[in-house]
Amino acid sequence: MFLIVGLGNPGSEYAKTRHNAGFMVLDLVAERARSTWKGERKFQSRIARVDDGGRRVLLCKPETYMNASGEAVKAVAGFFQVPLERLLVVVDDADLGLGELRMRPGGSSGGHHGLESIESQLGSREYARQRVGIGRDRPEERRITGHVLAPFRAGELPLLEKVLQTAAEQVECWLAAGVAQAMNKFNGAIKV
């Protein structure tokens, strides 16, 4: 069993915001796999199931809001006994420019509250994460709540579409070939 978690905030008011890049990537992964989402109250999540060449894959969008994502991830991973090496978390990253992807096999939260929640609940940083760059309006500004909760601008949408497609391909590569190959093939800046 593999578990791929996309981080975001539930509700239509957040649907197209930068902070929901993880949800957007997983929506595309589910669409490409012809899978549908179902609410799972006991996991506080929306779940899509994928059979990927004999591998069972769960796609998860926590509905706990970003800062409590770890509660849902712990519940799903625990119930399905998913080992950390088969967990991938897809998350937005304001420290990466729009158009950059960075997958790593583990590491720090980098100040991202969703990753902090997961690390706290799982007691480990040793799980793969894919960071989807959303950029910053002002790089020197540390308080970015308004920016991450804002929708993408019209001029950014062509690049965003390419980023989401490439991020979905990287997730599929991670499943098929592992984190090292997914990093080598896809990490870096994406051009329109």
C-alpha atoms as a PDB file:
ATOM      1  CA  MET A   1       0.000   0.000   0.000  1.00  0.00           C
ATOM      2  CA  PHE A   2       1.233   3.483  -0.928  1.00  0.00           C
ATOM      3  CA  LEU A   3      -0.184   6.705   0.473  1.00  0.00           C
ATOM      4  CA  ILE A   4       0.038  10.019  -1.353  1.00  0.00           C
ATOM      5  CA  VAL A   5      -1.233  13.007   0.586  1.00  0.00           C
ATOM      6  CA  GLY A   6      -1.948  16.416  -0.905  1.00  0.00           C
ATOM      7  CA  LEU A   7      -2.137  19.285   1.563  1.00  0.00           C
ATOM      8  CA  GLY A   8      -4.628  22.115   1.370  1.00  0.00           C
ATOM      9  CA  ASN A   9      -7.701  23.597   3.012  1.00  0.00           C
ATOM     10  CA  PRO A  10     -11.226  22.283   2.413  1.00  0.00           C
ATOM     11  CA  GLY A  11     -14.011  24.516   1.154  1.00  0.00           C
ATOM     12  CA  SER A  12     -14.766  26.397  -2.046  1.00  0.00           C
ATOM     13  CA  GLU A  13     -13.257  29.634  -0.701  1.00  0.00           C
ATOM     14  CA  TYR A  14      -9.825  27.967  -0.690  1.00  0.00           C
ATOM     15  CA  ALA A  15     -10.159  25.810  -3.813  1.00  0.00           C
ATOM     16  CA  LYS A  16      -7.990  27.856  -6.192  1.00  0.00           C
ATOM     17  CA  THR A  17      -5.585  29.362  -3.659  1.00  0.00           C
ATOM     18  CA  ARG A  18      -1.823  28.908  -3.636  1.00  0.00           C
ATOM     19  CA  HIS A  19      -1.960  26.990  -0.339  1.00  0.00           C
ATOM     20  CA  ASN A  20      -4.032  24.311  -2.095  1.00  0.00           C
ATOM     21  CA  ALA A  21      -1.364  23.352  -4.625  1.00  0.00           C
ATOM     22  CA  GLY A  22      -1.150  19.909  -2.971  1.00  0.00           C
ATOM     23  CA  PHE A  23      -4.877  19.336  -3.503  1.00  0.00           C
ATOM     24  CA  MET A  24      -4.561  20.496  -7.122  1.00  0.00           C
ATOM     25  CA  VAL A  25      -1.759  18.023  -7.869  1.00  0.00           C
ATOM     26  CA  LEU A  26      -3.701  15.142  -6.312  1.00  0.00           C
ATOM     27  CA  ASP A  27      -6.856  16.065  -8.214  1.00  0.00           C
ATOM     28  CA  LEU A  28      -4.856  15.706 -11.414  1.00  0.00           C
ATOM     29  CA  VAL A  29      -3.256  12.412 -10.287  1.00  0.00           C
ATOM     30  CA  ALA A  30      -6.742  11.039  -9.504  1.00  0.00           C
ATOM     31  CA  GLU A  31      -8.093  12.253 -12.839  1.00  0.00           C
ATOM     32  CA  ARG A  32      -5.220  10.652 -14.761  1.00  0.00           C
ATOM     33  CA  ALA A  33      -5.852   7.366 -12.891  1.00  0.00           C
ATOM     34  CA  ARG A  34      -9.613   7.645 -13.523  1.00  0.00           C
ATOM     35  CA  SER A  35     -10.274   7.537  -9.807  1.00  0.00           C
ATOM     36  CA  THR A  36     -12.967   9.411  -7.898  1.00  0.00           C
ATOM     37  CA  TRP A  37     -12.942  11.065  -4.481  1.00  0.00           C
ATOM     38  CA  LYS A  38     -15.047   9.859  -1.572  1.00  0.00           C
ATOM     39  CA  GLY A  39     -15.453  11.482   1.825  1.00  0.00           C
ATOM     40  CA  GLU A  40     -14.140   9.283   4.656  1.00  0.00           C
ATOM     41  CA  ARG A  41     -15.334  10.782   7.933  1.00  0.00           C
ATOM     42  CA  LYS A  42     -13.293   8.424  10.137  1.00  0.00           C
ATOM     43  CA  PHE A  43     -10.126   9.728   8.456  1.00  0.00           C
ATOM     44  CA  GLN A  44     -11.279  13.366   8.233  1.00  0.00           C
ATOM     45  CA  SER A  45     -10.283  13.143   4.572  1.00  0.00           C
ATOM     46  CA  ARG A  46     -11.327  12.679   1.002  1.00  0.00           C
ATOM     47  CA  ILE A  47      -9.849   9.439  -0.347  1.00  0.00           C
ATOM     48  CA  ALA A  48      -9.371   8.120  -3.881  1.00  0.00           C
ATOM     49  CA  ARG A  49      -8.207   4.575  -4.500  1.00  0.00           C
ATOM     50  CA  VAL A  50      -5.923   3.657  -7.396  1.00  0.00           C
ATOM     51  CA  ASP A  51      -4.711   0.278  -8.624  1.00  0.00           C
ATOM     52  CA  ASP A  52      -1.395   1.076 -10.267  1.00  0.00           C
ATOM     53  CA  GLY A  53      -0.132  -2.079 -11.949  1.00  0.00           C
ATOM     54  CA  GLY A  54      -0.804  -4.231  -8.887  1.00  0.00           C
ATOM     55  CA  ARG A  55       0.260  -1.564  -6.393  1.00  0.00           C
ATOM     56  CA  ARG A  56      -2.553  -0.331  -4.199  1.00  0.00           C
ATOM     57  CA  VAL A  57      -2.405   3.418  -3.843  1.00  0.00           C
ATOM     58  CA  LEU A  58      -4.447   5.703  -1.632  1.00  0.00           C
ATOM     59  CA  LEU A  59      -4.709   9.369  -2.512  1.00  0.00           C
ATOM     60  CA  CYS A  60      -5.650  11.516   0.478  1.00  0.00           C
ATOM     61  CA  LYS A  61      -6.789  15.114   0.842  1.00  0.00           C
ATOM     62  CA  PRO A  62      -7.124  15.891   4.575  1.00  0.00           C
ATOM     63  CA  GLU A  63     -10.157  17.981   5.492  1.00  0.00           C
ATOM     64  CA  THR A  64      -8.700  19.033   8.832  1.00  0.00           C
ATOM     65  CA  TYR A  65      -7.356  22.343   7.486  1.00  0.00           C
ATOM     66  CA  MET A  66      -3.684  22.734   6.788  1.00  0.00           C
ATOM     67  CA  ASN A  67      -2.358  23.184  10.313  1.00  0.00           C
ATOM     68  CA  ALA A  68      -3.924  19.928  11.563  1.00  0.00           C
ATOM     69  CA  SER A  69      -3.101  17.772   8.499  1.00  0.00           C
ATOM     70  CA  GLY A  70      -1.074  15.364  10.618  1.00  0.00           C
ATOM     71  CA  GLU A  71      -4.209  14.094  12.380  1.00  0.00           C
ATOM     72  CA  ALA A  72      -5.649  12.806   9.109  1.00  0.00           C
ATOM     73  CA  VAL A  73      -2.317  11.481   7.818  1.00  0.00           C
ATOM     74  CA  LYS A  74      -1.691   9.552  11.041  1.00  0.00           C
ATOM     75  CA  ALA A  75      -5.211   8.069  10.945  1.00  0.00           C
ATOM     76  CA  VAL A  76      -4.953   6.890   7.332  1.00  0.00           C
ATOM     77  CA  ALA A  77      -1.340   5.679   7.534  1.00  0.00           C
ATOM     78  CA  GLY A  78      -2.042   3.864  10.790  1.00  0.00           C
ATOM     79  CA  PHE A  79      -5.241   2.185   9.647  1.00  0.00           C
ATOM     80  CA  PHE A  80      -3.722   0.928   6.382  1.00  0.00           C
ATOM     81  CA  GLN A  81      -0.312   0.231   7.974  1.00  0.00           C
ATOM     82  CA  VAL A  82       1.554   2.318   5.412  1.00  0.00           C
ATOM     83  CA  PRO A  83       5.287   2.447   6.187  1.00  0.00           C
ATOM     84  CA  LEU A  84       6.988   5.829   5.989  1.00  0.00           C
ATOM     85  CA  GLU A  85       8.982   4.813   2.920  1.00  0.00           C
ATOM     86  CA  ARG A  86       5.663   4.456   1.042  1.00  0.00           C
ATOM     87  CA  LEU A  87       4.330   7.883   2.051  1.00  0.00           C
ATOM     88  CA  LEU A  88       4.566  10.958  -0.169  1.00  0.00           C
ATOM     89  CA  VAL A  89       3.259  14.379   0.876  1.00  0.00           C
ATOM     90  CA  VAL A  90       2.584  17.026  -1.788  1.00  0.00           C
ATOM     91  CA  VAL A  91       2.774  20.569  -0.442  1.00  0.00           C
ATOM     92  CA  ASP A  92       3.013  24.189  -1.558  1.00  0.00           C
ATOM     93  CA  ASP A  93       6.259  26.060  -0.883  1.00  0.00           C
ATOM     94  CA  ALA A  94       6.502  29.850  -0.862  1.00  0.00           C
ATOM     95  CA  ASP A  95      10.315  29.676  -0.704  1.00  0.00           C
ATOM     96  CA  LEU A  96      10.371  28.159  -4.195  1.00  0.00           C
ATOM     97  CA  GLY A  97       9.440  30.302  -7.157  1.00  0.00           C
ATOM     98  CA  LEU A  98       6.298  29.552  -9.107  1.00  0.00           C
ATOM     99  CA  GLY A  99       7.305  26.885 -11.595  1.00  0.00           C
ATOM    100  CA  GLU A 100       9.797  25.034  -9.380  1.00  0.00           C
ATOM    101  CA  LEU A 101       9.394  21.457  -8.148  1.00  0.00           C
ATOM    102  CA  ARG A 102      11.505  19.841  -5.477  1.00  0.00           C
ATOM    103  CA  MET A 103      11.078  16.293  -4.217  1.00  0.00           C
ATOM    104  CA  ARG A 104      13.138  14.994  -1.301  1.00  0.00           C
ATOM    105  CA  PRO A 105      13.186  11.682   0.614  1.00  0.00           C
ATOM    106  CA  GLY A 106      12.875  13.511   3.956  1.00  0.00           C
ATOM    107  CA  GLY A 107      13.907  16.699   5.688  1.00  0.00           C
ATOM    108  CA  SER A 108      12.620  19.588   7.729  1.00  0.00           C
ATOM    109  CA  SER A 109       9.244  21.276   7.543  1.00  0.00           C
ATOM    110  CA  GLY A 110      10.869  24.506   6.375  1.00  0.00           C
ATOM    111  CA  GLY A 111       8.337  26.335   8.527  1.00  0.00           C
ATOM    112  CA  HIS A 112       5.341  24.845   6.681  1.00  0.00           C
ATOM    113  CA  HIS A 113       2.628  24.265   9.287  1.00  0.00           C
ATOM    114  CA  GLY A 114       1.099  21.319   7.425  1.00  0.00           C
ATOM    115  CA  LEU A 115       4.435  19.468   7.399  1.00  0.00           C
ATOM    116  CA  GLU A 116       5.015  20.429  11.043  1.00  0.00           C
ATOM    117  CA  SER A 117       1.690  18.822  11.950  1.00  0.00           C
ATOM    118  CA  ILE A 118       2.558  15.626  10.063  1.00  0.00           C
ATOM    119  CA  GLU A 119       6.015  15.407  11.658  1.00  0.00           C
ATOM    120  CA  SER A 120       4.484  15.913  15.093  1.00  0.00           C
ATOM    121  CA  GLN A 121       1.839  13.227  14.581  1.00  0.00           C
ATOM    122  CA  LEU A 122       4.132  10.662  12.913  1.00  0.00           C
ATOM    123  CA  GLY A 123       7.146  11.403  15.117  1.00  0.00           C
ATOM    124  CA  SER A 124       9.383  11.452  12.052  1.00  0.00           C
ATOM    125  CA  ARG A 125      10.653  13.589   9.174  1.00  0.00           C
ATOM    126  CA  GLU A 126      11.650  10.516   7.178  1.00  0.00           C
ATOM    127  CA  TYR A 127       8.966  10.502   4.497  1.00  0.00           C
ATOM    128  CA  ALA A 128       9.108  11.803   0.944  1.00  0.00           C
ATOM    129  CA  ARG A 129       7.731  15.218   0.134  1.00  0.00           C
ATOM    130  CA  GLN A 130       7.141  17.035  -3.103  1.00  0.00           C
ATOM    131  CA  ARG A 131       7.293  20.815  -2.799  1.00  0.00           C
ATOM    132  CA  VAL A 132       5.409  22.814  -5.423  1.00  0.00           C
ATOM    133  CA  GLY A 133       6.739  26.363  -5.691  1.00  0.00           C
ATOM    134  CA  ILE A 134       4.153  29.114  -5.296  1.00  0.00           C
ATOM    135  CA  GLY A 135       6.608  32.010  -4.906  1.00  0.00           C
ATOM    136  CA  ARG A 136       6.293  35.129  -2.786  1.00  0.00           C
ATOM    137  CA  ASP A 137       5.174  38.642  -3.618  1.00  0.00           C
ATOM    138  CA  ARG A 138       7.997  40.084  -1.491  1.00  0.00           C
ATOM    139  CA  PRO A 139      10.855  37.662  -0.694  1.00  0.00           C
ATOM    140  CA  GLU A 140      11.915  39.699   2.351  1.00  0.00           C
ATOM    141  CA  GLU A 141       8.448  39.402   3.940  1.00  0.00           C
ATOM    142  CA  ARG A 142       8.089  36.427   6.327  1.00  0.00           C
ATOM    143  CA  ARG A 143       4.360  36.909   7.061  1.00  0.00           C
ATOM    144  CA  ILE A 144       2.737  35.497   3.943  1.00  0.00           C
ATOM    145  CA  THR A 145      -0.744  34.405   5.032  1.00  0.00           C
ATOM    146  CA  GLY A 146      -2.445  36.778   2.599  1.00  0.00           C
ATOM    147  CA  HIS A 147      -0.274  35.543  -0.261  1.00  0.00           C
ATOM    148  CA  VAL A 148      -0.733  31.793   0.286  1.00  0.00           C
ATOM    149  CA  LEU A 149      -4.497  32.170   0.751  1.00  0.00           C
ATOM    150  CA  ALA A 150      -4.826  34.236  -2.447  1.00  0.00           C
ATOM    151  CA  PRO A 151      -5.741  32.719  -5.807  1.00  0.00           C
ATOM    152  CA  PHE A 152      -3.204  32.504  -8.597  1.00  0.00           C
ATOM    153  CA  ARG A 153      -3.219  35.534 -10.899  1.00  0.00           C
ATOM    154  CA  ALA A 154      -4.516  35.172 -14.462  1.00  0.00           C
ATOM    155  CA  GLY A 155      -1.033  35.644 -15.915  1.00  0.00           C
ATOM    156  CA  GLU A 156       0.283  32.748 -13.803  1.00  0.00           C
ATOM    157  CA  LEU A 157      -2.295  30.194 -14.948  1.00  0.00           C
ATOM    158  CA  PRO A 158      -0.467  28.873 -18.064  1.00  0.00           C
ATOM    159  CA  LEU A 159       2.643  28.155 -15.967  1.00  0.00           C
ATOM    160  CA  LEU A 160       0.521  26.713 -13.135  1.00  0.00           C
ATOM    161  CA  GLU A 161      -1.136  24.270 -15.546  1.00  0.00           C
ATOM    162  CA  LYS A 162       2.292  23.074 -16.751  1.00  0.00           C
ATOM    163  CA  VAL A 163       3.552  22.802 -13.153  1.00  0.00           C
ATOM    164  CA  LEU A 164       0.559  20.704 -12.074  1.00  0.00           C
ATOM    165  CA  GLN A 165       0.981  18.360 -15.069  1.00  0.00           C
ATOM    166  CA  THR A 166       4.693  17.941 -14.353  1.00  0.00           C
ATOM    167  CA  ALA A 167       4.079  17.465 -10.617  1.00  0.00           C
ATOM    168  CA  ALA A 168       1.546  14.705 -11.383  1.00  0.00           C
ATOM    169  CA  GLU A 169       4.126  13.025 -13.642  1.00  0.00           C
ATOM    170  CA  GLN A 170       6.712  13.244 -10.859  1.00  0.00           C
ATOM    171  CA  VAL A 171       4.279  11.608  -8.415  1.00  0.00           C
ATOM    172  CA  GLU A 172       3.678   8.803 -10.910  1.00  0.00           C
ATOM    173  CA  CYS A 173       7.452   8.403 -11.375  1.00  0.00           C
ATOM    174  CA  TRP A 174       7.901   8.198  -7.578  1.00  0.00           C
ATOM    175  CA  LEU A 175       5.377   5.348  -7.512  1.00  0.00           C
ATOM    176  CA  ALA A 176       6.926   3.488 -10.431  1.00  0.00           C
ATOM    177  CA  ALA A 177      10.647   4.055  -9.925  1.00  0.00           C
ATOM    178  CA  GLY A 178      11.258   5.573  -6.490  1.00  0.00           C
ATOM    179  CA  VAL A 179      12.300   8.903  -5.051  1.00  0.00           C
ATOM    180  CA  ALA A 180      15.812   9.088  -6.538  1.00  0.00           C
ATOM    181  CA  GLN A 181      14.655   8.732 -10.128  1.00  0.00           C
ATOM    182  CA  ALA A 182      11.707  11.101  -9.565  1.00  0.00           C
ATOM    183  CA  MET A 183      14.108  13.702  -8.144  1.00  0.00           C
ATOM    184  CA  ASN A 184      16.644  13.328 -10.949  1.00  0.00           C
ATOM    185  CA  LYS A 185      14.086  13.508 -13.715  1.00  0.00           C
ATOM    186  CA  PHE A 186      11.760  16.264 -12.484  1.00  0.00           C
ATOM    187  CA  ASN A 187      13.321  18.505  -9.793  1.00  0.00           C
ATOM    188  CA  GLY A 188      13.960  22.056 -10.941  1.00  0.00           C
ATOM    189  CA  ALA A 189      12.321  24.936 -12.762  1.00  0.00           C
ATOM    190  CA  ILE A 190       9.579  24.363 -15.313  1.00  0.00           C
ATOM    191  CA  LYS A 191       9.179  26.633 -18.317  1.00  0.00           C
ATOM    192  CA  VAL A 192       5.962  27.313 -20.221  1.00  0.00           C
END
